[in-house]
Amino acid sequence: MQAGLEGRIQIVLNSATQSASVQIQRPLAAIQKLLVGKTVEQALERIPLLFSICSQAQSCAALLAVQKTLKLPSQPKLLETQAQLVRLETQREHVLRILMDWSTWLGQQPNPSLIQQAMRIVPQARQAWFQGARAFTLTSELATTDTEIMDVWESFLETHIFAMSLDKWEQLNTLKALQRWIAAQATVAAQTLAQLQQQQLASLGANDFPLAEEASVLKRQAQQPIIRAALAAYGNGVFTRYLARLVELVQPSIMNLAHQQVEAARGSLRHVVQLNAQGLVKNYEILAPTDLTFASQGVVSEGLQALMQTASSSELVSQARLWIAALDPCVAYDLELSYA
């Protein structure tokens, strides 16, 4: 299948050679064609139209790149609110994966009402926080400092994801404490972690790929005590990666502004823009986490290779999909099982 503007991933598992091939297709030339020769304002307008997933993070990365190139001074309060919108989008993406993918894996029907509530939170915040809902332009202005939206969001997380206050869940610093939460709650998140353990899939995909070389949620949450404990017990497999998303719902990531780096739902994102003498876009580059995660020798490939050695032929595809879901690509993928 041909890749669209966002790209596509081709994954082949070869049972004959016990090998995995991962190739990501990115139509960078097509993206550049849409941006090169445009003014920075036009480029900023087009970025969210090109990326339907994590469009706020993409827009923020684009704005930071433009501001750096133009050497524009920062506005701390505006920047913090923009960062808050990106963090909210990142958390929303984690929640959607829980409500949709994790529920489906458990054999449960996803709850459309909860999904709709989660989908509305980012547009509501953008509308409330920025004049004209224009969050990432050179002329963006704050509208209010309304905190009600975040209160509503935290209540949603406490009720539907954790079944306890965020403060209390944050205090679960050991696997023993986490285990008590898993056993006591019936939320999709708790049930998923329980099933991974019960089906002996907690370490699925675990491999020796250096965590420092990842651009993932797990990498940025790796210093949290509960994640360190999970890494020791299960390695960098599915359980630990799913747990990292839950941790990020109570410990939001912070943008690395010194490197113009935006922490998006799938990992670290960065845009680089060059302008010509007329101030038009000369070159535009997007450094996306999925490109690193799904590189031919990246962590997904390493995990699939490990999986080839342990999974039975009847379970290989389903377990491969579970491992891929744990890394959460931002583009569609094709998975093929080869016997030659």
C-alpha atoms as a PDB file:
ATOM      1  CA  MET A   1       0.000   0.000   0.000  1.00  0.00           C
ATOM      2  CA  GLN A   2       1.292   3.443  -0.895  1.00  0.00           C
ATOM      3  CA  ALA A   3       2.315   5.767   1.918  1.00  0.00           C
ATOM      4  CA  GLY A   4       0.372   8.982   2.381  1.00  0.00           C
ATOM      5  CA  LEU A   5       1.883  12.263   3.489  1.00  0.00           C
ATOM      6  CA  GLU A   6       2.362  10.940   7.026  1.00  0.00           C
ATOM      7  CA  GLY A   7       4.099   7.792   5.777  1.00  0.00           C
ATOM      8  CA  ARG A   8       3.670   4.058   6.289  1.00  0.00           C
ATOM      9  CA  ILE A   9       5.650   1.229   7.872  1.00  0.00           C
ATOM     10  CA  GLN A  10       6.339  -2.112   6.217  1.00  0.00           C
ATOM     11  CA  ILE A  11       7.141  -4.987   8.604  1.00  0.00           C
ATOM     12  CA  VAL A  12       8.027  -8.493   7.433  1.00  0.00           C
ATOM     13  CA  LEU A  13       8.557 -11.433   9.785  1.00  0.00           C
ATOM     14  CA  ASN A  14      10.475 -14.218   8.073  1.00  0.00           C
ATOM     15  CA  SER A  15       9.942 -17.499   9.886  1.00  0.00           C
ATOM     16  CA  ALA A  16      12.391 -19.326   7.614  1.00  0.00           C
ATOM     17  CA  THR A  17      15.341 -17.100   8.526  1.00  0.00           C
ATOM     18  CA  GLN A  18      14.008 -16.132  11.975  1.00  0.00           C
ATOM     19  CA  SER A  19      14.469 -12.465  11.070  1.00  0.00           C
ATOM     20  CA  ALA A  20      12.430  -9.279  11.093  1.00  0.00           C
ATOM     21  CA  SER A  21      12.554  -6.445   8.578  1.00  0.00           C
ATOM     22  CA  VAL A  22      11.214  -2.963   9.419  1.00  0.00           C
ATOM     23  CA  GLN A  23      11.108  -0.205   6.825  1.00  0.00           C
ATOM     24  CA  ILE A  24       9.452   3.164   7.224  1.00  0.00           C
ATOM     25  CA  GLN A  25       8.413   5.097   4.149  1.00  0.00           C
ATOM     26  CA  ARG A  26       8.326   8.877   4.495  1.00  0.00           C
ATOM     27  CA  PRO A  27       7.343  11.068   1.516  1.00  0.00           C
ATOM     28  CA  LEU A  28       9.675  13.848   2.639  1.00  0.00           C
ATOM     29  CA  ALA A  29       9.939  15.278  -0.853  1.00  0.00           C
ATOM     30  CA  ALA A  30       6.166  15.731  -0.992  1.00  0.00           C
ATOM     31  CA  ILE A  31       6.113  17.458   2.397  1.00  0.00           C
ATOM     32  CA  GLN A  32       8.979  19.746   1.417  1.00  0.00           C
ATOM     33  CA  LYS A  33       7.235  20.592  -1.827  1.00  0.00           C
ATOM     34  CA  LEU A  34       4.239  21.837   0.144  1.00  0.00           C
ATOM     35  CA  LEU A  35       6.403  24.022   2.401  1.00  0.00           C
ATOM     36  CA  VAL A  36       9.407  25.179   0.376  1.00  0.00           C
ATOM     37  CA  GLY A  37       8.902  28.624  -1.110  1.00  0.00           C
ATOM     38  CA  LYS A  38       6.216  29.538   1.409  1.00  0.00           C
ATOM     39  CA  THR A  39       6.357  32.282   4.006  1.00  0.00           C
ATOM     40  CA  VAL A  40       6.807  31.146   7.596  1.00  0.00           C
ATOM     41  CA  GLU A  41       3.199  32.089   8.301  1.00  0.00           C
ATOM     42  CA  GLN A  42       2.018  29.906   5.429  1.00  0.00           C
ATOM     43  CA  ALA A  43       4.207  27.033   6.623  1.00  0.00           C
ATOM     44  CA  LEU A  44       2.789  27.290  10.130  1.00  0.00           C
ATOM     45  CA  GLU A  45      -0.732  27.181   8.709  1.00  0.00           C
ATOM     46  CA  ARG A  46       0.002  24.041   6.677  1.00  0.00           C
ATOM     47  CA  ILE A  47       1.737  21.933   9.331  1.00  0.00           C
ATOM     48  CA  PRO A  48      -1.419  20.946  11.312  1.00  0.00           C
ATOM     49  CA  LEU A  49      -3.139  20.121   8.007  1.00  0.00           C
ATOM     50  CA  LEU A  50      -0.354  17.693   7.099  1.00  0.00           C
ATOM     51  CA  PHE A  51      -0.416  15.814  10.406  1.00  0.00           C
ATOM     52  CA  SER A  52      -3.733  14.599  11.758  1.00  0.00           C
ATOM     53  CA  ILE A  53      -2.036  12.874  14.714  1.00  0.00           C
ATOM     54  CA  CYS A  54      -0.327  15.032  17.348  1.00  0.00           C
ATOM     55  CA  SER A  55      -1.068  18.153  15.322  1.00  0.00           C
ATOM     56  CA  GLN A  56      -0.539  20.396  18.365  1.00  0.00           C
ATOM     57  CA  ALA A  57       2.925  18.945  18.980  1.00  0.00           C
ATOM     58  CA  GLN A  58       3.799  19.262  15.296  1.00  0.00           C
ATOM     59  CA  SER A  59       2.571  22.868  15.257  1.00  0.00           C
ATOM     60  CA  CYS A  60       4.516  23.689  18.404  1.00  0.00           C
ATOM     61  CA  ALA A  61       7.713  22.179  16.992  1.00  0.00           C
ATOM     62  CA  ALA A  62       7.210  24.163  13.790  1.00  0.00           C
ATOM     63  CA  LEU A  63       6.698  27.408  15.699  1.00  0.00           C
ATOM     64  CA  LEU A  64       9.784  26.836  17.854  1.00  0.00           C
ATOM     65  CA  ALA A  65      11.846  26.188  14.715  1.00  0.00           C
ATOM     66  CA  VAL A  66      10.585  29.373  13.053  1.00  0.00           C
ATOM     67  CA  GLN A  67      11.166  31.458  16.166  1.00  0.00           C
ATOM     68  CA  LYS A  68      14.713  30.149  16.455  1.00  0.00           C
ATOM     69  CA  THR A  69      15.463  30.875  12.798  1.00  0.00           C
ATOM     70  CA  LEU A  70      14.023  34.394  13.059  1.00  0.00           C
ATOM     71  CA  LYS A  71      15.712  34.928  16.452  1.00  0.00           C
ATOM     72  CA  LEU A  72      12.445  36.050  18.007  1.00  0.00           C
ATOM     73  CA  PRO A  73      12.292  36.648  21.773  1.00  0.00           C
ATOM     74  CA  SER A  74      10.216  34.220  23.787  1.00  0.00           C
ATOM     75  CA  GLN A  75       7.090  35.104  25.758  1.00  0.00           C
ATOM     76  CA  PRO A  76       7.281  32.914  28.868  1.00  0.00           C
ATOM     77  CA  LYS A  77       3.588  32.863  29.790  1.00  0.00           C
ATOM     78  CA  LEU A  78       2.497  32.208  26.205  1.00  0.00           C
ATOM     79  CA  LEU A  79       5.143  29.521  25.797  1.00  0.00           C
ATOM     80  CA  GLU A  80       4.115  27.749  28.990  1.00  0.00           C
ATOM     81  CA  THR A  81       0.472  27.707  27.885  1.00  0.00           C
ATOM     82  CA  GLN A  82       1.474  26.336  24.484  1.00  0.00           C
ATOM     83  CA  ALA A  83       3.519  23.659  26.236  1.00  0.00           C
ATOM     84  CA  GLN A  84       0.542  22.855  28.446  1.00  0.00           C
ATOM     85  CA  LEU A  85      -1.620  22.319  25.358  1.00  0.00           C
ATOM     86  CA  VAL A  86       0.967  19.924  23.932  1.00  0.00           C
ATOM     87  CA  ARG A  87       1.142  18.040  27.247  1.00  0.00           C
ATOM     88  CA  LEU A  88      -2.650  17.787  27.249  1.00  0.00           C
ATOM     89  CA  GLU A  89      -2.621  16.415  23.706  1.00  0.00           C
ATOM     90  CA  THR A  90       0.068  13.895  24.664  1.00  0.00           C
ATOM     91  CA  GLN A  91      -1.975  12.694  27.615  1.00  0.00           C
ATOM     92  CA  ARG A  92      -5.092  12.571  25.458  1.00  0.00           C
ATOM     93  CA  GLU A  93      -3.261  10.314  22.989  1.00  0.00           C
ATOM     94  CA  HIS A  94      -2.236   7.958  25.805  1.00  0.00           C
ATOM     95  CA  VAL A  95      -5.833   7.840  27.039  1.00  0.00           C
ATOM     96  CA  LEU A  96      -7.183   7.075  23.563  1.00  0.00           C
ATOM     97  CA  ARG A  97      -4.798   4.159  23.234  1.00  0.00           C
ATOM     98  CA  ILE A  98      -6.018   2.842  26.592  1.00  0.00           C
ATOM     99  CA  LEU A  99      -9.710   3.319  25.814  1.00  0.00           C
ATOM    100  CA  MET A 100      -9.478   1.960  22.267  1.00  0.00           C
ATOM    101  CA  ASP A 101      -6.510  -0.393  21.820  1.00  0.00           C
ATOM    102  CA  TRP A 102      -6.170  -1.775  25.325  1.00  0.00           C
ATOM    103  CA  SER A 103      -9.932  -2.365  25.574  1.00  0.00           C
ATOM    104  CA  THR A 104      -9.942  -4.188  22.246  1.00  0.00           C
ATOM    105  CA  TRP A 105      -7.001  -6.372  23.306  1.00  0.00           C
ATOM    106  CA  LEU A 106      -8.953  -7.323  26.437  1.00  0.00           C
ATOM    107  CA  GLY A 107     -11.880  -8.355  24.236  1.00  0.00           C
ATOM    108  CA  GLN A 108     -14.012  -5.460  25.432  1.00  0.00           C
ATOM    109  CA  GLN A 109     -16.014  -2.996  23.362  1.00  0.00           C
ATOM    110  CA  PRO A 110     -14.451   0.492  23.593  1.00  0.00           C
ATOM    111  CA  ASN A 111     -16.695   3.023  25.336  1.00  0.00           C
ATOM    112  CA  PRO A 112     -17.681   5.628  22.690  1.00  0.00           C
ATOM    113  CA  SER A 113     -18.852   8.141  25.281  1.00  0.00           C
ATOM    114  CA  LEU A 114     -15.496   8.169  27.073  1.00  0.00           C
ATOM    115  CA  ILE A 115     -13.646   8.367  23.762  1.00  0.00           C
ATOM    116  CA  GLN A 116     -15.712  11.384  22.733  1.00  0.00           C
ATOM    117  CA  GLN A 117     -15.039  13.081  26.065  1.00  0.00           C
ATOM    118  CA  ALA A 118     -11.306  12.555  25.622  1.00  0.00           C
ATOM    119  CA  MET A 119     -11.400  13.796  22.026  1.00  0.00           C
ATOM    120  CA  ARG A 120     -13.051  17.068  23.039  1.00  0.00           C
ATOM    121  CA  ILE A 121     -10.528  18.129  25.658  1.00  0.00           C
ATOM    122  CA  VAL A 122      -7.819  19.533  23.354  1.00  0.00           C
ATOM    123  CA  PRO A 123     -10.148  21.658  21.158  1.00  0.00           C
ATOM    124  CA  GLN A 124     -11.815  22.955  24.302  1.00  0.00           C
ATOM    125  CA  ALA A 125      -8.480  23.957  25.813  1.00  0.00           C
ATOM    126  CA  ARG A 126      -7.249  25.606  22.626  1.00  0.00           C
ATOM    127  CA  GLN A 127     -10.495  27.587  22.358  1.00  0.00           C
ATOM    128  CA  ALA A 128     -10.379  28.661  26.000  1.00  0.00           C
ATOM    129  CA  TRP A 129      -6.690  29.488  26.315  1.00  0.00           C
ATOM    130  CA  PHE A 130      -5.907  31.295  23.035  1.00  0.00           C
ATOM    131  CA  GLN A 131      -7.490  34.202  21.221  1.00  0.00           C
ATOM    132  CA  GLY A 132      -9.410  32.813  18.273  1.00  0.00           C
ATOM    133  CA  ALA A 133      -8.114  29.320  19.174  1.00  0.00           C
ATOM    134  CA  ARG A 134      -4.862  30.275  17.384  1.00  0.00           C
ATOM    135  CA  ALA A 135      -2.306  28.517  19.552  1.00  0.00           C
ATOM    136  CA  PHE A 136       0.800  28.267  17.357  1.00  0.00           C
ATOM    137  CA  THR A 137       1.205  31.334  15.170  1.00  0.00           C
ATOM    138  CA  LEU A 138       3.614  34.258  15.276  1.00  0.00           C
ATOM    139  CA  THR A 139       0.753  36.438  16.519  1.00  0.00           C
ATOM    140  CA  SER A 140      -0.833  34.044  19.054  1.00  0.00           C
ATOM    141  CA  GLU A 141      -2.255  35.701  22.170  1.00  0.00           C
ATOM    142  CA  LEU A 142      -3.572  34.286  25.406  1.00  0.00           C
ATOM    143  CA  ALA A 143      -7.297  34.497  26.061  1.00  0.00           C
ATOM    144  CA  THR A 144      -7.636  33.387  29.680  1.00  0.00           C
ATOM    145  CA  THR A 145      -5.798  31.484  32.373  1.00  0.00           C
ATOM    146  CA  ASP A 146      -8.779  29.175  32.854  1.00  0.00           C
ATOM    147  CA  THR A 147      -7.859  26.143  34.988  1.00  0.00           C
ATOM    148  CA  GLU A 148     -11.295  24.516  34.891  1.00  0.00           C
ATOM    149  CA  ILE A 149     -10.411  22.435  31.840  1.00  0.00           C
ATOM    150  CA  MET A 150      -7.449  20.842  33.609  1.00  0.00           C
ATOM    151  CA  ASP A 151      -9.610  20.162  36.655  1.00  0.00           C
ATOM    152  CA  VAL A 152     -12.133  18.392  34.416  1.00  0.00           C
ATOM    153  CA  TRP A 153      -9.349  16.409  32.742  1.00  0.00           C
ATOM    154  CA  GLU A 154      -7.781  15.318  36.009  1.00  0.00           C
ATOM    155  CA  SER A 155     -11.195  14.209  37.245  1.00  0.00           C
ATOM    156  CA  PHE A 156     -11.633  12.177  34.043  1.00  0.00           C
ATOM    157  CA  LEU A 157      -8.286  10.446  34.592  1.00  0.00           C
ATOM    158  CA  GLU A 158      -9.006   9.733  38.243  1.00  0.00           C
ATOM    159  CA  THR A 159     -12.438   8.279  37.475  1.00  0.00           C
ATOM    160  CA  HIS A 160     -11.908   6.326  34.273  1.00  0.00           C
ATOM    161  CA  ILE A 161      -8.207   5.438  34.124  1.00  0.00           C
ATOM    162  CA  PHE A 162      -6.912   5.080  37.688  1.00  0.00           C
ATOM    163  CA  ALA A 163     -10.005   4.811  39.922  1.00  0.00           C
ATOM    164  CA  MET A 164      -8.098   6.830  42.511  1.00  0.00           C
ATOM    165  CA  SER A 165      -6.630  10.295  42.877  1.00  0.00           C
ATOM    166  CA  LEU A 166      -3.597  11.135  40.774  1.00  0.00           C
ATOM    167  CA  ASP A 167      -1.682  12.070  43.918  1.00  0.00           C
ATOM    168  CA  LYS A 168      -2.273   8.646  45.453  1.00  0.00           C
ATOM    169  CA  TRP A 169      -1.409   6.764  42.260  1.00  0.00           C
ATOM    170  CA  GLU A 170       1.807   8.760  41.964  1.00  0.00           C
ATOM    171  CA  GLN A 171       2.836   7.354  45.334  1.00  0.00           C
ATOM    172  CA  LEU A 172       2.846   3.779  43.985  1.00  0.00           C
ATOM    173  CA  ASN A 173       6.635   3.620  43.828  1.00  0.00           C
ATOM    174  CA  THR A 174       7.132  -0.146  44.111  1.00  0.00           C
ATOM    175  CA  LEU A 175       5.903  -3.118  42.121  1.00  0.00           C
ATOM    176  CA  LYS A 176       4.279  -4.465  45.279  1.00  0.00           C
ATOM    177  CA  ALA A 177       2.231  -1.299  45.661  1.00  0.00           C
ATOM    178  CA  LEU A 178       1.394  -1.310  41.960  1.00  0.00           C
ATOM    179  CA  GLN A 179       0.298  -4.934  42.247  1.00  0.00           C
ATOM    180  CA  ARG A 180      -2.202  -4.012  44.946  1.00  0.00           C
ATOM    181  CA  TRP A 181      -3.666  -1.369  42.634  1.00  0.00           C
ATOM    182  CA  ILE A 182      -3.858  -3.833  39.733  1.00  0.00           C
ATOM    183  CA  ALA A 183      -5.657  -6.389  41.896  1.00  0.00           C
ATOM    184  CA  ALA A 184      -8.078  -3.884  43.412  1.00  0.00           C
ATOM    185  CA  GLN A 185      -9.247  -1.992  40.305  1.00  0.00           C
ATOM    186  CA  ALA A 186     -11.377  -2.924  37.311  1.00  0.00           C
ATOM    187  CA  THR A 187     -10.329  -0.118  34.974  1.00  0.00           C
ATOM    188  CA  VAL A 188      -9.103  -1.006  31.497  1.00  0.00           C
ATOM    189  CA  ALA A 189      -5.588   0.085  32.472  1.00  0.00           C
ATOM    190  CA  ALA A 190      -5.453  -2.158  35.550  1.00  0.00           C
ATOM    191  CA  GLN A 191      -7.002  -5.108  33.708  1.00  0.00           C
ATOM    192  CA  THR A 192      -4.507  -4.781  30.867  1.00  0.00           C
ATOM    193  CA  LEU A 193      -1.495  -4.878  33.166  1.00  0.00           C
ATOM    194  CA  ALA A 194      -3.052  -7.818  35.014  1.00  0.00           C
ATOM    195  CA  GLN A 195      -3.612  -9.777  31.796  1.00  0.00           C
ATOM    196  CA  LEU A 196      -0.068  -9.111  30.576  1.00  0.00           C
ATOM    197  CA  GLN A 197       1.187 -10.687  33.768  1.00  0.00           C
ATOM    198  CA  GLN A 198      -1.285 -13.566  33.845  1.00  0.00           C
ATOM    199  CA  GLN A 199      -0.637 -14.479  30.188  1.00  0.00           C
ATOM    200  CA  GLN A 200       3.131 -14.224  30.787  1.00  0.00           C
ATOM    201  CA  LEU A 201       3.431 -11.416  28.241  1.00  0.00           C
ATOM    202  CA  ALA A 202       4.883  -8.763  30.535  1.00  0.00           C
ATOM    203  CA  SER A 203       8.379  -9.158  29.088  1.00  0.00           C
ATOM    204  CA  LEU A 204       7.177  -9.549  25.514  1.00  0.00           C
ATOM    205  CA  GLY A 205       9.596  -7.863  23.112  1.00  0.00           C
ATOM    206  CA  ALA A 206      12.217  -7.136  25.759  1.00  0.00           C
ATOM    207  CA  ASN A 207      15.619  -6.636  24.166  1.00  0.00           C
ATOM    208  CA  ASP A 208      19.029  -5.043  24.668  1.00  0.00           C
ATOM    209  CA  PHE A 209      18.503  -1.904  22.584  1.00  0.00           C
ATOM    210  CA  PRO A 210      20.041   1.012  24.563  1.00  0.00           C
ATOM    211  CA  LEU A 211      17.347   3.065  26.243  1.00  0.00           C
ATOM    212  CA  ALA A 212      19.504   6.169  25.845  1.00  0.00           C
ATOM    213  CA  GLU A 213      19.196   5.825  22.062  1.00  0.00           C
ATOM    214  CA  GLU A 214      15.399   5.732  22.080  1.00  0.00           C
ATOM    215  CA  ALA A 215      13.071   8.670  21.536  1.00  0.00           C
ATOM    216  CA  SER A 216      10.187   7.227  23.522  1.00  0.00           C
ATOM    217  CA  VAL A 217       7.831   7.687  26.441  1.00  0.00           C
ATOM    218  CA  LEU A 218       9.759   4.992  28.298  1.00  0.00           C
ATOM    219  CA  LYS A 219      13.021   6.892  27.912  1.00  0.00           C
ATOM    220  CA  ARG A 220      11.653  10.125  29.351  1.00  0.00           C
ATOM    221  CA  GLN A 221       9.962   8.340  32.287  1.00  0.00           C
ATOM    222  CA  ALA A 222      12.870   5.964  32.940  1.00  0.00           C
ATOM    223  CA  GLN A 223      14.006   7.709  36.130  1.00  0.00           C
ATOM    224  CA  GLN A 224      10.669   7.300  37.905  1.00  0.00           C
ATOM    225  CA  PRO A 225      11.040   4.719  40.718  1.00  0.00           C
ATOM    226  CA  ILE A 226       8.188   2.516  39.510  1.00  0.00           C
ATOM    227  CA  ILE A 227       9.630   2.436  35.979  1.00  0.00           C
ATOM    228  CA  ARG A 228      13.091   1.545  37.270  1.00  0.00           C
ATOM    229  CA  ALA A 229      11.479  -1.331  39.172  1.00  0.00           C
ATOM    230  CA  ALA A 230       9.566  -2.488  36.098  1.00  0.00           C
ATOM    231  CA  LEU A 231      12.700  -2.341  33.946  1.00  0.00           C
ATOM    232  CA  ALA A 232      14.477  -4.556  36.458  1.00  0.00           C
ATOM    233  CA  ALA A 233      11.602  -7.042  36.561  1.00  0.00           C
ATOM    234  CA  TYR A 234      10.380  -7.093  32.950  1.00  0.00           C
ATOM    235  CA  GLY A 235      13.030  -5.325  30.887  1.00  0.00           C
ATOM    236  CA  ASN A 236      11.913  -2.896  28.192  1.00  0.00           C
ATOM    237  CA  GLY A 237       9.005  -5.102  27.169  1.00  0.00           C
ATOM    238  CA  VAL A 238       5.305  -4.419  26.778  1.00  0.00           C
ATOM    239  CA  PHE A 239       4.398  -4.163  30.477  1.00  0.00           C
ATOM    240  CA  THR A 240       7.038  -1.523  31.208  1.00  0.00           C
ATOM    241  CA  ARG A 241       6.110   0.534  28.148  1.00  0.00           C
ATOM    242  CA  TYR A 242       2.414   0.473  28.955  1.00  0.00           C
ATOM    243  CA  LEU A 243       3.205   1.420  32.541  1.00  0.00           C
ATOM    244  CA  ALA A 244       5.281   4.373  31.301  1.00  0.00           C
ATOM    245  CA  ARG A 245       2.201   5.808  29.601  1.00  0.00           C
ATOM    246  CA  LEU A 246       0.256   5.595  32.838  1.00  0.00           C
ATOM    247  CA  VAL A 247       3.105   7.297  34.690  1.00  0.00           C
ATOM    248  CA  GLU A 248       3.075  10.098  32.129  1.00  0.00           C
ATOM    249  CA  LEU A 249      -0.571  10.776  32.899  1.00  0.00           C
ATOM    250  CA  VAL A 250       0.482  11.816  36.404  1.00  0.00           C
ATOM    251  CA  GLN A 251       4.032  12.979  35.558  1.00  0.00           C
ATOM    252  CA  PRO A 252       3.714  15.032  32.332  1.00  0.00           C
ATOM    253  CA  SER A 253       6.906  15.494  30.322  1.00  0.00           C
ATOM    254  CA  ILE A 254       8.622  18.883  29.978  1.00  0.00           C
ATOM    255  CA  MET A 255       9.751  20.382  26.675  1.00  0.00           C
ATOM    256  CA  ASN A 256      13.495  20.706  26.148  1.00  0.00           C
ATOM    257  CA  LEU A 257      13.440  24.279  24.879  1.00  0.00           C
ATOM    258  CA  ALA A 258      17.225  24.528  24.756  1.00  0.00           C
ATOM    259  CA  HIS A 259      17.155  22.032  21.880  1.00  0.00           C
ATOM    260  CA  GLN A 260      13.792  23.182  20.455  1.00  0.00           C
ATOM    261  CA  GLN A 261      12.513  19.721  21.353  1.00  0.00           C
ATOM    262  CA  VAL A 262       8.840  18.920  21.846  1.00  0.00           C
ATOM    263  CA  GLU A 263       7.824  15.851  23.853  1.00  0.00           C
ATOM    264  CA  ALA A 264       4.969  14.351  21.855  1.00  0.00           C
ATOM    265  CA  ALA A 265       2.893  11.235  22.537  1.00  0.00           C
ATOM    266  CA  ARG A 266       5.314   8.915  20.719  1.00  0.00           C
ATOM    267  CA  GLY A 267       8.518  10.592  21.857  1.00  0.00           C
ATOM    268  CA  SER A 268      10.784  13.555  21.144  1.00  0.00           C
ATOM    269  CA  LEU A 269       9.898  15.674  18.099  1.00  0.00           C
ATOM    270  CA  ARG A 270      11.907  18.434  16.451  1.00  0.00           C
ATOM    271  CA  HIS A 271      11.497  20.625  13.365  1.00  0.00           C
ATOM    272  CA  VAL A 272      14.314  22.464  11.569  1.00  0.00           C
ATOM    273  CA  VAL A 273      13.643  25.247   9.060  1.00  0.00           C
ATOM    274  CA  GLN A 274      15.976  27.216   6.812  1.00  0.00           C
ATOM    275  CA  LEU A 275      14.959  30.441   5.066  1.00  0.00           C
ATOM    276  CA  ASN A 276      16.331  32.058   1.945  1.00  0.00           C
ATOM    277  CA  ALA A 277      17.321  35.713   1.548  1.00  0.00           C
ATOM    278  CA  GLN A 278      13.693  36.655   0.852  1.00  0.00           C
ATOM    279  CA  GLY A 279      12.507  35.078   4.106  1.00  0.00           C
ATOM    280  CA  LEU A 280      10.821  32.123   2.371  1.00  0.00           C
ATOM    281  CA  VAL A 281      11.260  28.490   3.395  1.00  0.00           C
ATOM    282  CA  LYS A 282      14.354  27.068   1.707  1.00  0.00           C
ATOM    283  CA  ASN A 283      14.484  23.730   3.489  1.00  0.00           C
ATOM    284  CA  TYR A 284      12.264  22.019   6.056  1.00  0.00           C
ATOM    285  CA  GLU A 285      13.172  18.957   8.094  1.00  0.00           C
ATOM    286  CA  ILE A 286      11.083  16.985  10.581  1.00  0.00           C
ATOM    287  CA  LEU A 287      12.824  14.720  13.092  1.00  0.00           C
ATOM    288  CA  ALA A 288      10.020  12.479  14.335  1.00  0.00           C
ATOM    289  CA  PRO A 289      10.199   9.796  17.058  1.00  0.00           C
ATOM    290  CA  THR A 290       8.535   7.151  14.907  1.00  0.00           C
ATOM    291  CA  ASP A 291      11.366   7.440  12.359  1.00  0.00           C
ATOM    292  CA  LEU A 292      13.876   6.497  15.060  1.00  0.00           C
ATOM    293  CA  THR A 293      11.733   3.928  16.843  1.00  0.00           C
ATOM    294  CA  PHE A 294      10.872   2.107  13.610  1.00  0.00           C
ATOM    295  CA  ALA A 295      14.270   2.438  11.956  1.00  0.00           C
ATOM    296  CA  SER A 296      15.604  -0.718  10.317  1.00  0.00           C
ATOM    297  CA  GLN A 297      17.890  -1.359  13.299  1.00  0.00           C
ATOM    298  CA  GLY A 298      15.735   0.397  15.905  1.00  0.00           C
ATOM    299  CA  VAL A 299      14.125  -0.827  19.088  1.00  0.00           C
ATOM    300  CA  VAL A 300      11.024  -2.204  17.332  1.00  0.00           C
ATOM    301  CA  SER A 301      13.210  -4.311  15.060  1.00  0.00           C
ATOM    302  CA  GLU A 302      15.218  -5.573  18.035  1.00  0.00           C
ATOM    303  CA  GLY A 303      12.052  -6.494  19.894  1.00  0.00           C
ATOM    304  CA  LEU A 304      10.603  -8.329  16.910  1.00  0.00           C
ATOM    305  CA  GLN A 305      13.859 -10.190  16.499  1.00  0.00           C
ATOM    306  CA  ALA A 306      13.671 -11.279  20.136  1.00  0.00           C
ATOM    307  CA  LEU A 307      10.045 -12.264  19.639  1.00  0.00           C
ATOM    308  CA  MET A 308      10.942 -14.476  16.684  1.00  0.00           C
ATOM    309  CA  GLN A 309      12.997 -16.606  19.061  1.00  0.00           C
ATOM    310  CA  THR A 310      10.263 -17.123  21.639  1.00  0.00           C
ATOM    311  CA  ALA A 311       6.793 -16.947  20.067  1.00  0.00           C
ATOM    312  CA  SER A 312       5.108 -19.994  18.583  1.00  0.00           C
ATOM    313  CA  SER A 313       4.088 -19.789  14.937  1.00  0.00           C
ATOM    314  CA  SER A 314       0.408 -19.551  15.892  1.00  0.00           C
ATOM    315  CA  GLU A 315       1.045 -16.632  18.269  1.00  0.00           C
ATOM    316  CA  LEU A 316       3.690 -14.762  16.296  1.00  0.00           C
ATOM    317  CA  VAL A 317       1.471 -12.262  14.493  1.00  0.00           C
ATOM    318  CA  SER A 318      -0.731 -11.441  17.488  1.00  0.00           C
ATOM    319  CA  GLN A 319       2.292 -10.999  19.745  1.00  0.00           C
ATOM    320  CA  ALA A 320       4.065  -8.907  17.126  1.00  0.00           C
ATOM    321  CA  ARG A 321       1.042  -6.603  16.946  1.00  0.00           C
ATOM    322  CA  LEU A 322       1.028  -6.306  20.733  1.00  0.00           C
ATOM    323  CA  TRP A 323       4.712  -5.325  20.701  1.00  0.00           C
ATOM    324  CA  ILE A 324       4.169  -2.799  17.903  1.00  0.00           C
ATOM    325  CA  ALA A 325       1.233  -1.301  19.810  1.00  0.00           C
ATOM    326  CA  ALA A 326       3.487  -0.839  22.835  1.00  0.00           C
ATOM    327  CA  LEU A 327       5.716   1.418  20.702  1.00  0.00           C
ATOM    328  CA  ASP A 328       2.638   3.142  19.230  1.00  0.00           C
ATOM    329  CA  PRO A 329       3.569   4.238  15.691  1.00  0.00           C
ATOM    330  CA  CYS A 330       2.035   7.528  14.543  1.00  0.00           C
ATOM    331  CA  VAL A 331       1.499   6.105  11.044  1.00  0.00           C
ATOM    332  CA  ALA A 332      -0.217   3.007   9.671  1.00  0.00           C
ATOM    333  CA  TYR A 333       1.739  -0.189   9.225  1.00  0.00           C
ATOM    334  CA  ASP A 334       1.534  -3.413   7.215  1.00  0.00           C
ATOM    335  CA  LEU A 335       2.611  -6.670   8.880  1.00  0.00           C
ATOM    336  CA  GLU A 336       3.516  -9.638   6.696  1.00  0.00           C
ATOM    337  CA  LEU A 337       4.512 -13.152   7.706  1.00  0.00           C
ATOM    338  CA  SER A 338       6.917 -14.753   5.250  1.00  0.00           C
ATOM    339  CA  TYR A 339       7.967 -18.389   5.004  1.00  0.00           C
ATOM    340  CA  ALA A 340      10.659 -18.065   2.337  1.00  0.00           C
END
